[in-house]
């Protein structure tokens, strides 16, 4: 697993969620959705929730729900 995916997974496990702005600031990851897809394909259950910021602009927050029993696609 790449170091960026490991960092994002560690953050998800510790804090429960992540958004694009956090991933960019903390991990210099501009492709969070792609890393989330990679983690999902590795067997991690991650929910996408759309939120609005104070200016009314929508963004995705990814919430960690654990791992599947089998790993891989669920």
PDB file of N, CA and C in Angstrom:
ATOM      1  N   UNK A   1       0.860  -1.176   0.000  1.00  0.00           N
ATOM      2  CA  UNK A   1       0.000   0.000   0.000  1.00  0.00           C
ATOM      3  C   UNK A   1       0.903   1.234   0.000  1.00  0.00           C
ATOM      4  N   UNK A   2       0.556   2.229  -0.812  1.00  0.00           N
ATOM      5  CA  UNK A   2       1.368   3.439  -0.904  1.00  0.00           C
ATOM      6  C   UNK A   2       1.340   4.214   0.413  1.00  0.00           C
ATOM      7  N   UNK A   3       2.360   5.039   0.618  1.00  0.00           N
ATOM      8  CA  UNK A   3       2.431   5.797   1.873  1.00  0.00           C
ATOM      9  C   UNK A   3       1.264   6.776   1.996  1.00  0.00           C
ATOM     10  N   UNK A   4       0.814   7.350   0.870  1.00  0.00           N
ATOM     11  CA  UNK A   4      -0.316   8.277   0.917  1.00  0.00           C
ATOM     12  C   UNK A   4      -1.581   7.551   1.365  1.00  0.00           C
ATOM     13  N   UNK A   5      -1.817   6.362   0.833  1.00  0.00           N
ATOM     14  CA  UNK A   5      -2.989   5.581   1.248  1.00  0.00           C
ATOM     15  C   UNK A   5      -2.883   5.202   2.718  1.00  0.00           C
ATOM     16  N   UNK A   6      -1.696   4.829   3.164  1.00  0.00           N
ATOM     17  CA  UNK A   6      -1.507   4.473   4.569  1.00  0.00           C
ATOM     18  C   UNK A   6      -1.759   5.666   5.480  1.00  0.00           C
ATOM     19  N   UNK A   7      -1.285   6.839   5.070  1.00  0.00           N
ATOM     20  CA  UNK A   7      -1.513   8.052   5.865  1.00  0.00           C
ATOM     21  C   UNK A   7      -3.003   8.378   5.952  1.00  0.00           C
ATOM     22  N   UNK A   8      -3.694   8.269   4.830  1.00  0.00           N
ATOM     23  CA  UNK A   8      -5.133   8.561   4.802  1.00  0.00           C
ATOM     24  C   UNK A   8      -5.892   7.533   5.632  1.00  0.00           C
ATOM     25  N   UNK A   9      -5.535   6.258   5.496  1.00  0.00           N
ATOM     26  CA  UNK A   9      -6.183   5.208   6.280  1.00  0.00           C
ATOM     27  C   UNK A   9      -5.948   5.425   7.771  1.00  0.00           C
ATOM     28  N   UNK A  10      -4.733   5.774   8.138  1.00  0.00           N
ATOM     29  CA  UNK A  10      -4.416   6.042   9.545  1.00  0.00           C
ATOM     30  C   UNK A  10      -5.255   7.209  10.065  1.00  0.00           C
ATOM     31  N   UNK A  11      -5.386   8.263   9.267  1.00  0.00           N
ATOM     32  CA  UNK A  11      -6.197   9.423   9.655  1.00  0.00           C
ATOM     33  C   UNK A  11      -7.658   9.015   9.826  1.00  0.00           C
ATOM     34  N   UNK A  12      -8.173   8.233   8.873  1.00  0.00           N
ATOM     35  CA  UNK A  12      -9.562   7.776   8.961  1.00  0.00           C
ATOM     36  C   UNK A  12      -9.796   6.964  10.229  1.00  0.00           C
ATOM     37  N   UNK A  13      -8.876   6.074  10.543  1.00  0.00           N
ATOM     38  CA  UNK A  13      -9.025   5.240  11.735  1.00  0.00           C
ATOM     39  C   UNK A  13      -8.949   6.075  13.014  1.00  0.00           C
ATOM     40  N   UNK A  14      -8.098   7.092  13.007  1.00  0.00           N
ATOM     41  CA  UNK A  14      -7.922   7.913  14.209  1.00  0.00           C
ATOM     42  C   UNK A  14      -9.053   8.920  14.398  1.00  0.00           C
ATOM     43  N   UNK A  15      -9.471   9.580  13.317  1.00  0.00           N
ATOM     44  CA  UNK A  15     -10.431  10.680  13.433  1.00  0.00           C
ATOM     45  C   UNK A  15     -11.828  10.335  12.913  1.00  0.00           C
ATOM     46  N   UNK A  16     -11.952   9.232  12.156  1.00  0.00           N
ATOM     47  CA  UNK A  16     -13.256   8.790  11.692  1.00  0.00           C
ATOM     48  C   UNK A  16     -13.687   9.315  10.341  1.00  0.00           C
ATOM     49  N   UNK A  17     -13.102  10.431   9.896  1.00  0.00           N
ATOM     50  CA  UNK A  17     -13.491  10.980   8.593  1.00  0.00           C
ATOM     51  C   UNK A  17     -12.364  11.852   8.039  1.00  0.00           C
ATOM     52  N   UNK A  18     -12.501  12.167   6.751  1.00  0.00           N
ATOM     53  CA  UNK A  18     -11.546  13.057   6.089  1.00  0.00           C
ATOM     54  C   UNK A  18     -12.263  13.752   4.943  1.00  0.00           C
ATOM     55  N   UNK A  19     -11.809  14.946   4.601  1.00  0.00           N
ATOM     56  CA  UNK A  19     -12.321  15.655   3.435  1.00  0.00           C
ATOM     57  C   UNK A  19     -11.136  16.105   2.581  1.00  0.00           C
ATOM     58  N   UNK A  20     -11.428  16.615   1.400  1.00  0.00           N
ATOM     59  CA  UNK A  20     -10.390  17.013   0.454  1.00  0.00           C
ATOM     60  C   UNK A  20      -9.422  18.036   1.047  1.00  0.00           C
ATOM     61  N   UNK A  21      -9.945  19.017   1.745  1.00  0.00           N
ATOM     62  CA  UNK A  21      -9.102  20.097   2.255  1.00  0.00           C
ATOM     63  C   UNK A  21      -8.104  19.570   3.291  1.00  0.00           C
ATOM     64  N   UNK A  22      -8.549  18.655   4.121  1.00  0.00           N
ATOM     65  CA  UNK A  22      -7.657  18.033   5.105  1.00  0.00           C
ATOM     66  C   UNK A  22      -6.602  17.197   4.405  1.00  0.00           C
ATOM     67  N   UNK A  23      -7.005  16.418   3.404  1.00  0.00           N
ATOM     68  CA  UNK A  23      -6.042  15.566   2.700  1.00  0.00           C
ATOM     69  C   UNK A  23      -4.996  16.404   1.963  1.00  0.00           C
ATOM     70  N   UNK A  24      -5.410  17.516   1.415  1.00  0.00           N
ATOM     71  CA  UNK A  24      -4.474  18.392   0.710  1.00  0.00           C
ATOM     72  C   UNK A  24      -3.510  19.053   1.689  1.00  0.00           C
ATOM     73  N   UNK A  25      -4.039  19.547   2.788  1.00  0.00           N
ATOM     74  CA  UNK A  25      -3.216  20.251   3.775  1.00  0.00           C
ATOM     75  C   UNK A  25      -2.252  19.308   4.497  1.00  0.00           C
ATOM     76  N   UNK A  26      -2.744  18.162   4.941  1.00  0.00           N
ATOM     77  CA  UNK A  26      -1.920  17.265   5.757  1.00  0.00           C
ATOM     78  C   UNK A  26      -1.041  16.314   4.954  1.00  0.00           C
ATOM     79  N   UNK A  27      -1.555  15.845   3.806  1.00  0.00           N
ATOM     80  CA  UNK A  27      -0.847  14.800   3.061  1.00  0.00           C
ATOM     81  C   UNK A  27      -0.471  15.195   1.642  1.00  0.00           C
ATOM     82  N   UNK A  28      -0.776  16.433   1.255  1.00  0.00           N
ATOM     83  CA  UNK A  28      -0.500  16.935  -0.094  1.00  0.00           C
ATOM     84  C   UNK A  28      -1.118  16.033  -1.153  1.00  0.00           C
ATOM     85  N   UNK A  29      -2.309  15.535  -0.840  1.00  0.00           N
ATOM     86  CA  UNK A  29      -3.031  14.623  -1.727  1.00  0.00           C
ATOM     87  C   UNK A  29      -4.167  15.375  -2.407  1.00  0.00           C
ATOM     88  N   UNK A  30      -4.028  15.613  -3.708  1.00  0.00           N
ATOM     89  CA  UNK A  30      -5.056  16.310  -4.463  1.00  0.00           C
ATOM     90  C   UNK A  30      -6.036  15.338  -5.112  1.00  0.00           C
ATOM     91  N   UNK A  31      -5.813  14.031  -4.951  1.00  0.00           N
ATOM     92  CA  UNK A  31      -6.684  13.021  -5.557  1.00  0.00           C
ATOM     93  C   UNK A  31      -7.276  12.115  -4.474  1.00  0.00           C
ATOM     94  N   UNK A  32      -7.926  12.730  -3.509  1.00  0.00           N
ATOM     95  CA  UNK A  32      -8.484  11.973  -2.387  1.00  0.00           C
ATOM     96  C   UNK A  32      -9.500  10.939  -2.848  1.00  0.00           C
ATOM     97  N   UNK A  33     -10.367  11.289  -3.777  1.00  0.00           N
ATOM     98  CA  UNK A  33     -11.385  10.344  -4.240  1.00  0.00           C
ATOM     99  C   UNK A  33     -10.736   9.075  -4.810  1.00  0.00           C
ATOM    100  N   UNK A  34      -9.623   9.224  -5.506  1.00  0.00           N
ATOM    101  CA  UNK A  34      -8.912   8.056  -6.060  1.00  0.00           C
ATOM    102  C   UNK A  34      -8.316   7.205  -4.945  1.00  0.00           C
ATOM    103  N   UNK A  35      -7.759   7.845  -3.912  1.00  0.00           N
ATOM    104  CA  UNK A  35      -7.191   7.088  -2.787  1.00  0.00           C
ATOM    105  C   UNK A  35      -8.297   6.376  -2.005  1.00  0.00           C
ATOM    106  N   UNK A  36      -9.466   7.022  -1.879  1.00  0.00           N
ATOM    107  CA  UNK A  36     -10.605   6.391  -1.207  1.00  0.00           C
ATOM    108  C   UNK A  36     -11.049   5.171  -2.001  1.00  0.00           C
ATOM    109  N   UNK A  37     -11.102   5.283  -3.321  1.00  0.00           N
ATOM    110  CA  UNK A  37     -11.458   4.142  -4.163  1.00  0.00           C
ATOM    111  C   UNK A  37     -10.462   2.996  -3.951  1.00  0.00           C
ATOM    112  N   UNK A  38      -9.175   3.315  -3.921  1.00  0.00           N
ATOM    113  CA  UNK A  38      -8.154   2.294  -3.671  1.00  0.00           C
ATOM    114  C   UNK A  38      -8.394   1.594  -2.336  1.00  0.00           C
ATOM    115  N   UNK A  39      -8.704   2.370  -1.304  1.00  0.00           N
ATOM    116  CA  UNK A  39      -8.956   1.796   0.017  1.00  0.00           C
ATOM    117  C   UNK A  39     -10.211   0.923   0.004  1.00  0.00           C
ATOM    118  N   UNK A  40     -11.238   1.369  -0.685  1.00  0.00           N
ATOM    119  CA  UNK A  40     -12.462   0.571  -0.801  1.00  0.00           C
ATOM    120  C   UNK A  40     -12.163  -0.760  -1.493  1.00  0.00           C
ATOM    121  N   UNK A  41     -11.369  -0.705  -2.536  1.00  0.00           N
ATOM    122  CA  UNK A  41     -11.027  -1.928  -3.269  1.00  0.00           C
ATOM    123  C   UNK A  41     -10.139  -2.854  -2.444  1.00  0.00           C
ATOM    124  N   UNK A  42      -9.486  -2.315  -1.420  1.00  0.00           N
ATOM    125  CA  UNK A  42      -8.664  -3.120  -0.511  1.00  0.00           C
ATOM    126  C   UNK A  42      -9.487  -3.690   0.638  1.00  0.00           C
ATOM    127  N   UNK A  43     -10.794  -3.391   0.661  1.00  0.00           N
ATOM    128  CA  UNK A  43     -11.664  -3.982   1.662  1.00  0.00           C
ATOM    129  C   UNK A  43     -12.097  -3.066   2.784  1.00  0.00           C
ATOM    130  N   UNK A  44     -11.860  -1.785   2.659  1.00  0.00           N
ATOM    131  CA  UNK A  44     -12.280  -0.837   3.694  1.00  0.00           C
ATOM    132  C   UNK A  44     -13.638  -0.256   3.328  1.00  0.00           C
ATOM    133  N   UNK A  45     -14.529  -0.228   4.317  1.00  0.00           N
ATOM    134  CA  UNK A  45     -15.859   0.349   4.112  1.00  0.00           C
ATOM    135  C   UNK A  45     -15.780   1.835   4.434  1.00  0.00           C
ATOM    136  N   UNK A  46     -15.979   2.657   3.425  1.00  0.00           N
ATOM    137  CA  UNK A  46     -15.892   4.107   3.570  1.00  0.00           C
ATOM    138  C   UNK A  46     -17.125   4.715   2.921  1.00  0.00           C
ATOM    139  N   UNK A  47     -17.868   5.466   3.703  1.00  0.00           N
ATOM    140  CA  UNK A  47     -19.103   6.106   3.249  1.00  0.00           C
ATOM    141  C   UNK A  47     -18.800   7.523   2.779  1.00  0.00           C
ATOM    142  N   UNK A  48     -19.474   7.956   1.718  1.00  0.00           N
ATOM    143  CA  UNK A  48     -19.354   9.328   1.226  1.00  0.00           C
ATOM    144  C   UNK A  48     -20.578  10.112   1.663  1.00  0.00           C
ATOM    145  N   UNK A  49     -20.338  11.249   2.304  1.00  0.00           N
ATOM    146  CA  UNK A  49     -21.421  12.138   2.736  1.00  0.00           C
ATOM    147  C   UNK A  49     -21.143  13.517   2.145  1.00  0.00           C
ATOM    148  N   UNK A  50     -22.138  14.076   1.460  1.00  0.00           N
ATOM    149  CA  UNK A  50     -21.978  15.411   0.897  1.00  0.00           C
ATOM    150  C   UNK A  50     -22.384  16.447   1.941  1.00  0.00           C
ATOM    151  N   UNK A  51     -21.531  17.460   2.111  1.00  0.00           N
ATOM    152  CA  UNK A  51     -21.776  18.533   3.081  1.00  0.00           C
ATOM    153  C   UNK A  51     -21.645  19.877   2.380  1.00  0.00           C
ATOM    154  N   UNK A  52     -22.062  20.930   3.068  1.00  0.00           N
ATOM    155  CA  UNK A  52     -21.904  22.293   2.552  1.00  0.00           C
ATOM    156  C   UNK A  52     -21.028  23.076   3.518  1.00  0.00           C
ATOM    157  N   UNK A  53     -20.144  23.912   2.943  1.00  0.00           N
ATOM    158  CA  UNK A  53     -19.332  24.772   3.800  1.00  0.00           C
ATOM    159  C   UNK A  53     -20.117  26.035   4.142  1.00  0.00           C
ATOM    160  N   UNK A  54     -19.486  26.960   4.839  1.00  0.00           N
ATOM    161  CA  UNK A  54     -20.176  28.175   5.276  1.00  0.00           C
ATOM    162  C   UNK A  54     -20.620  29.056   4.110  1.00  0.00           C
ATOM    163  N   UNK A  55     -19.997  28.856   2.934  1.00  0.00           N
ATOM    164  CA  UNK A  55     -20.370  29.628   1.746  1.00  0.00           C
ATOM    165  C   UNK A  55     -21.416  28.906   0.901  1.00  0.00           C
ATOM    166  N   UNK A  56     -21.860  27.741   1.359  1.00  0.00           N
ATOM    167  CA  UNK A  56     -22.874  26.989   0.644  1.00  0.00           C
ATOM    168  C   UNK A  56     -22.335  26.065  -0.433  1.00  0.00           C
ATOM    169  N   UNK A  57     -21.002  25.951  -0.542  1.00  0.00           N
ATOM    170  CA  UNK A  57     -20.410  25.067  -1.548  1.00  0.00           C
ATOM    171  C   UNK A  57     -20.341  23.646  -1.013  1.00  0.00           C
ATOM    172  N   UNK A  58     -20.680  22.690  -1.891  1.00  0.00           N
ATOM    173  CA  UNK A  58     -20.724  21.277  -1.491  1.00  0.00           C
ATOM    174  C   UNK A  58     -19.334  20.647  -1.581  1.00  0.00           C
ATOM    175  N   UNK A  59     -19.098  19.705  -0.665  1.00  0.00           N
ATOM    176  CA  UNK A  59     -17.865  18.921  -0.702  1.00  0.00           C
ATOM    177  C   UNK A  59     -18.149  17.561  -0.090  1.00  0.00           C
ATOM    178  N   UNK A  60     -17.292  16.597  -0.417  1.00  0.00           N
ATOM    179  CA  UNK A  60     -17.467  15.231   0.081  1.00  0.00           C
ATOM    180  C   UNK A  60     -16.657  15.025   1.359  1.00  0.00           C
ATOM    181  N   UNK A  61     -17.278  14.384   2.323  1.00  0.00           N
ATOM    182  CA  UNK A  61     -16.583  13.922   3.522  1.00  0.00           C
ATOM    183  C   UNK A  61     -16.656  12.400   3.491  1.00  0.00           C
ATOM    184  N   UNK A  62     -15.535  11.754   3.727  1.00  0.00           N
ATOM    185  CA  UNK A  62     -15.457  10.302   3.705  1.00  0.00           C
ATOM    186  C   UNK A  62     -15.386   9.800   5.147  1.00  0.00           C
ATOM    187  N   UNK A  63     -16.287   8.897   5.490  1.00  0.00           N
ATOM    188  CA  UNK A  63     -16.400   8.394   6.859  1.00  0.00           C
ATOM    189  C   UNK A  63     -15.989   6.929   6.888  1.00  0.00           C
ATOM    190  N   UNK A  64     -15.076   6.595   7.779  1.00  0.00           N
ATOM    191  CA  UNK A  64     -14.564   5.229   7.888  1.00  0.00           C
ATOM    192  C   UNK A  64     -15.535   4.363   8.671  1.00  0.00           C
ATOM    193  N   UNK A  65     -15.909   3.227   8.094  1.00  0.00           N
ATOM    194  CA  UNK A  65     -16.851   2.293   8.716  1.00  0.00           C
ATOM    195  C   UNK A  65     -16.223   0.932   8.988  1.00  0.00           C
ATOM    196  N   UNK A  66     -14.915   0.812   8.865  1.00  0.00           N
ATOM    197  CA  UNK A  66     -14.239  -0.453   9.165  1.00  0.00           C
ATOM    198  C   UNK A  66     -13.862  -1.207   7.902  1.00  0.00           C
ATOM    199  N   UNK A  67     -13.525  -2.490   8.102  1.00  0.00           N
ATOM    200  CA  UNK A  67     -13.124  -3.349   6.983  1.00  0.00           C
ATOM    201  C   UNK A  67     -14.172  -4.418   6.749  1.00  0.00           C
ATOM    202  N   UNK A  68     -14.248  -4.903   5.528  1.00  0.00           N
ATOM    203  CA  UNK A  68     -15.137  -6.025   5.238  1.00  0.00           C
ATOM    204  C   UNK A  68     -14.467  -7.295   5.769  1.00  0.00           C
ATOM    205  N   UNK A  69     -15.238  -8.326   6.000  1.00  0.00           N
ATOM    206  CA  UNK A  69     -14.691  -9.574   6.518  1.00  0.00           C
ATOM    207  C   UNK A  69     -13.788 -10.262   5.502  1.00  0.00           C
ATOM    208  N   UNK A  70     -14.159 -10.231   4.233  1.00  0.00           N
ATOM    209  CA  UNK A  70     -13.392 -10.916   3.208  1.00  0.00           C
ATOM    210  C   UNK A  70     -12.251 -10.073   2.658  1.00  0.00           C
ATOM    211  N   UNK A  71     -12.318  -8.739   2.803  1.00  0.00           N
ATOM    212  CA  UNK A  71     -11.373  -7.871   2.107  1.00  0.00           C
ATOM    213  C   UNK A  71     -11.794  -7.783   0.655  1.00  0.00           C
ATOM    214  N   UNK A  72     -11.171  -6.894  -0.096  1.00  0.00           N
ATOM    215  CA  UNK A  72     -11.513  -6.752  -1.501  1.00  0.00           C
ATOM    216  C   UNK A  72     -12.863  -6.090  -1.673  1.00  0.00           C
ATOM    217  N   UNK A  73     -13.440  -6.234  -2.856  1.00  0.00           N
ATOM    218  CA  UNK A  73     -14.695  -5.553  -3.197  1.00  0.00           C
ATOM    219  C   UNK A  73     -15.850  -6.115  -2.403  1.00  0.00           C
ATOM    220  N   UNK A  74     -16.757  -5.210  -1.974  1.00  0.00           N
ATOM    221  CA  UNK A  74     -17.951  -5.658  -1.246  1.00  0.00           C
ATOM    222  C   UNK A  74     -19.199  -5.174  -1.935  1.00  0.00           C
TER     223      UNK A  74
END
